[in-house]
């Protein structure tokens, strides 16, 4: 049975096939930055799908993003159901590799990426986090983890990052967390002019690509 495409953005490589990467957006929603990121993944040989967890709504200001993010978290079971549907859809359209799919989460999306890897260890083999953490039981996870975190981040203090890193290590998961000096939250997102750090973003992209290629 083939599942219909959930609401979201699909990017496919020129070859028409490749390993699957699920992309979970930040609290801004499924904006052009996330779509362009999916496009870059596709150009690099991956089938990328970003579910639209806000169902068409996009925020440009922090107060608007906070409101949308809070509403999503209040309805987190529905969000997790939609993410599971996105995983099923992507699994049908991506090349079947030995270890399944990768998931990349930005900020708010990182919380859901961590939850997904713990909840669906059969399908998720790689997790990439951009300046986001979250609690989960990693005992059943089979994934390897790569994290990109900012040195100056009021939204994600270093204590949270250190705690997550230790939790993953205790669970026996391969984990590599990078801290980017001088960078702040959203440093990877070029539309956040006040936060974007070009050098850090380029390095994070190169590391992400190497990680995905090494684990697909």
Protein backbone atom coordinates (compact mmCIF):
# COMPACT_ATOMS: atom_id res chain seq x y z
CA UNK A 1 0.00 0.00 0.00
CA UNK A 2 1.37 3.39 -1.03
CA UNK A 3 0.59 6.27 1.31
CA UNK A 4 -0.45 9.65 -0.15
CA UNK A 5 1.97 12.52 0.36
CA UNK A 6 1.28 14.25 3.67
CA UNK A 7 1.24 18.04 3.73
CA UNK A 8 4.83 19.12 3.32
CA UNK A 9 7.70 19.63 0.88
CA UNK A 10 9.40 16.84 -1.08
CA UNK A 11 12.75 17.26 -2.86
CA UNK A 12 14.09 14.47 -5.08
CA UNK A 13 17.62 14.13 -6.55
CA UNK A 14 18.14 14.51 -10.33
CA UNK A 15 18.57 10.72 -10.49
CA UNK A 16 15.11 10.30 -8.98
CA UNK A 17 16.36 8.14 -6.13
CA UNK A 18 18.51 8.29 -3.01
CA UNK A 19 18.57 7.63 0.73
CA UNK A 20 15.79 9.30 2.69
CA UNK A 21 16.15 12.30 5.00
CA UNK A 22 13.24 13.63 7.05
CA UNK A 23 13.55 17.34 7.87
CA UNK A 24 11.64 18.76 10.86
CA UNK A 25 11.26 22.53 10.77
CA UNK A 26 11.95 25.09 13.49
CA UNK A 27 9.20 27.08 15.21
CA UNK A 28 9.00 29.40 12.17
CA UNK A 29 7.24 26.64 10.21
CA UNK A 30 7.87 25.21 6.76
CA UNK A 31 9.42 28.34 5.29
CA UNK A 32 11.67 28.90 2.27
CA UNK A 33 14.79 28.25 4.35
CA UNK A 34 13.63 24.72 5.11
CA UNK A 35 12.50 24.14 1.53
CA UNK A 36 15.87 25.36 0.23
CA UNK A 37 17.63 23.07 2.70
CA UNK A 38 15.64 20.13 1.35
CA UNK A 39 16.64 21.21 -2.14
CA UNK A 40 20.33 21.19 -1.17
CA UNK A 41 19.94 17.70 0.24
CA UNK A 42 18.34 16.56 -3.01
CA UNK A 43 21.17 18.09 -5.06
CA UNK A 44 23.53 16.06 -2.86
CA UNK A 45 21.74 12.80 -3.66
CA UNK A 46 19.12 12.46 -0.92
CA UNK A 47 15.34 12.24 -1.07
CA UNK A 48 14.28 14.89 1.46
CA UNK A 49 10.81 15.42 2.90
CA UNK A 50 9.78 18.13 5.37
CA UNK A 51 6.29 17.66 6.84
CA UNK A 52 4.33 20.88 7.39
CA UNK A 53 3.47 20.59 11.07
CA UNK A 54 1.80 24.02 11.04
CA UNK A 55 -0.48 23.21 8.07
CA UNK A 56 0.37 26.21 5.93
CA UNK A 57 1.14 28.76 8.62
CA UNK A 58 4.56 30.41 8.77
CA UNK A 59 5.89 32.91 11.31
CA UNK A 60 8.35 35.74 10.69
CA UNK A 61 8.53 37.19 14.20
CA UNK A 62 9.51 35.57 17.48
CA UNK A 63 6.12 36.22 19.18
CA UNK A 64 4.27 34.65 16.24
CA UNK A 65 6.67 31.68 16.20
CA UNK A 66 6.28 31.25 19.96
CA UNK A 67 2.52 31.11 19.56
CA UNK A 68 2.67 28.52 16.78
CA UNK A 69 5.29 26.45 18.60
CA UNK A 70 3.30 26.47 21.84
CA UNK A 71 0.15 25.41 20.00
CA UNK A 72 2.05 22.54 18.37
CA UNK A 73 3.53 21.37 21.66
CA UNK A 74 0.11 21.51 23.29
CA UNK A 75 -1.04 19.11 20.57
CA UNK A 76 2.20 17.12 20.46
CA UNK A 77 0.55 13.72 20.09
CA UNK A 78 -1.04 14.87 16.82
CA UNK A 79 2.33 16.25 15.70
CA UNK A 80 4.00 12.92 16.44
CA UNK A 81 1.29 11.10 14.48
CA UNK A 82 1.89 13.37 11.48
CA UNK A 83 5.64 12.82 11.74
CA UNK A 84 5.08 9.05 11.77
CA UNK A 85 2.97 9.40 8.61
CA UNK A 86 5.79 11.40 7.01
CA UNK A 87 8.24 8.61 7.89
CA UNK A 88 6.01 6.02 6.21
CA UNK A 89 5.68 8.21 3.11
CA UNK A 90 9.41 8.89 2.90
CA UNK A 91 10.23 5.20 3.40
CA UNK A 92 8.22 4.40 0.26
CA UNK A 93 9.97 7.05 -1.86
CA UNK A 94 13.56 6.69 -0.66
CA UNK A 95 16.13 4.08 -1.58
CA UNK A 96 16.04 1.28 0.94
CA UNK A 97 19.37 1.26 2.72
CA UNK A 98 20.45 -1.24 5.35
CA UNK A 99 19.86 1.18 8.16
CA UNK A 100 16.77 3.13 7.17
CA UNK A 101 16.23 6.89 7.28
CA UNK A 102 17.95 9.95 8.68
CA UNK A 103 16.12 12.76 10.47
CA UNK A 104 17.29 16.37 10.80
CA UNK A 105 15.61 18.66 13.32
CA UNK A 106 15.97 22.41 13.70
CA UNK A 107 15.36 23.88 17.16
CA UNK A 108 11.74 22.90 17.90
CA UNK A 109 12.12 20.16 15.28
CA UNK A 110 15.13 18.74 17.14
CA UNK A 111 12.88 17.79 20.07
CA UNK A 112 10.65 15.81 17.72
CA UNK A 113 13.67 14.29 15.93
CA UNK A 114 14.99 12.93 19.24
CA UNK A 115 11.57 11.56 20.12
CA UNK A 116 11.21 9.91 16.71
CA UNK A 117 14.54 8.10 16.91
CA UNK A 118 13.57 6.71 20.32
CA UNK A 119 10.06 5.76 19.20
CA UNK A 120 10.94 4.23 15.80
CA UNK A 121 14.37 2.57 16.14
CA UNK A 122 13.63 0.21 13.26
CA UNK A 123 13.51 3.04 10.72
CA UNK A 124 15.70 5.88 12.06
CA UNK A 125 19.46 5.30 11.84
CA UNK A 126 20.85 8.85 11.89
CA UNK A 127 19.84 12.00 13.76
CA UNK A 128 21.14 15.53 13.11
CA UNK A 129 20.26 18.25 15.60
CA UNK A 130 20.53 21.98 14.97
CA UNK A 131 20.48 23.94 18.26
CA UNK A 132 17.78 21.88 19.91
CA UNK A 133 17.56 19.22 22.61
CA UNK A 134 14.83 17.32 24.41
CA UNK A 135 14.13 14.52 26.84
CA UNK A 136 13.61 10.97 25.62
CA UNK A 137 14.40 7.41 26.57
CA UNK A 138 17.28 6.49 24.27
CA UNK A 139 17.61 2.88 25.48
CA UNK A 140 15.92 1.48 22.36
CA UNK A 141 17.45 3.90 19.84
CA UNK A 142 19.75 2.45 17.20
CA UNK A 143 20.74 5.79 15.73
CA UNK A 144 23.99 7.72 15.51
CA UNK A 145 23.73 11.37 16.54
CA UNK A 146 25.32 14.56 15.22
CA UNK A 147 24.65 17.88 16.92
CA UNK A 148 25.32 21.51 15.96
CA UNK A 149 25.07 23.93 18.87
CA UNK A 150 25.78 27.63 19.33
CA UNK A 151 28.18 29.00 21.93
CA UNK A 152 25.84 31.88 22.79
CA UNK A 153 22.32 30.49 22.94
CA UNK A 154 19.75 31.67 25.50
CA UNK A 155 17.22 29.20 24.08
CA UNK A 156 19.47 26.16 24.50
CA UNK A 157 21.94 26.52 27.39
CA UNK A 158 25.13 24.47 27.40
CA UNK A 159 23.88 22.50 30.41
CA UNK A 160 21.04 21.10 28.26
CA UNK A 161 23.47 20.19 25.49
CA UNK A 162 25.90 18.52 27.92
CA UNK A 163 23.07 16.61 29.57
CA UNK A 164 21.78 15.30 26.25
CA UNK A 165 25.28 14.29 25.15
CA UNK A 166 25.80 12.35 28.37
CA UNK A 167 22.38 10.68 28.10
CA UNK A 168 23.14 9.46 24.59
CA UNK A 169 26.56 8.19 25.59
CA UNK A 170 25.08 6.34 28.57
CA UNK A 171 22.66 4.68 26.15
CA UNK A 172 25.64 3.52 24.10
CA UNK A 173 24.82 5.65 21.06
CA UNK A 174 27.52 7.09 18.76
CA UNK A 175 27.36 10.85 19.35
CA UNK A 176 29.33 13.82 18.04
CA UNK A 177 28.30 17.29 19.22
CA UNK A 178 29.93 20.42 17.80
CA UNK A 179 29.85 23.79 19.54
CA UNK A 180 30.29 26.82 17.27
CA UNK A 181 32.21 29.70 18.89
CA UNK A 182 30.64 33.12 18.50
CA UNK A 183 27.46 31.68 17.00
CA UNK A 184 23.91 32.08 18.35
CA UNK A 185 20.60 30.32 17.94
CA UNK A 186 19.47 30.11 14.26
CA UNK A 187 23.07 30.55 13.04
CA UNK A 188 22.36 28.15 10.16
CA UNK A 189 19.33 30.01 8.79
CA UNK A 190 20.21 32.72 6.22
CA UNK A 191 16.83 34.46 6.53
CA UNK A 192 17.59 35.28 10.19
CA UNK A 193 19.89 38.16 9.33
CA UNK A 194 20.58 39.00 12.98
CA UNK A 195 21.70 35.45 13.77
CA UNK A 196 23.08 33.89 10.57
CA UNK A 197 26.76 32.99 10.79
CA UNK A 198 28.05 32.11 7.34
CA UNK A 199 31.27 30.40 8.41
CA UNK A 200 29.53 28.28 11.03
CA UNK A 201 26.70 27.43 8.62
CA UNK A 202 29.10 26.26 5.90
CA UNK A 203 31.01 24.09 8.38
CA UNK A 204 27.80 22.62 9.82
CA UNK A 205 26.56 21.78 6.33
CA UNK A 206 29.84 20.06 5.40
CA UNK A 207 29.77 18.05 8.62
CA UNK A 208 26.13 17.11 8.10
CA UNK A 209 26.75 15.92 4.56
CA UNK A 210 29.76 13.83 5.62
CA UNK A 211 27.73 12.32 8.45
CA UNK A 212 24.77 11.45 6.22
CA UNK A 213 26.98 9.95 3.53
CA UNK A 214 28.90 7.92 6.07
CA UNK A 215 25.77 6.46 7.60
CA UNK A 216 23.56 5.87 4.55
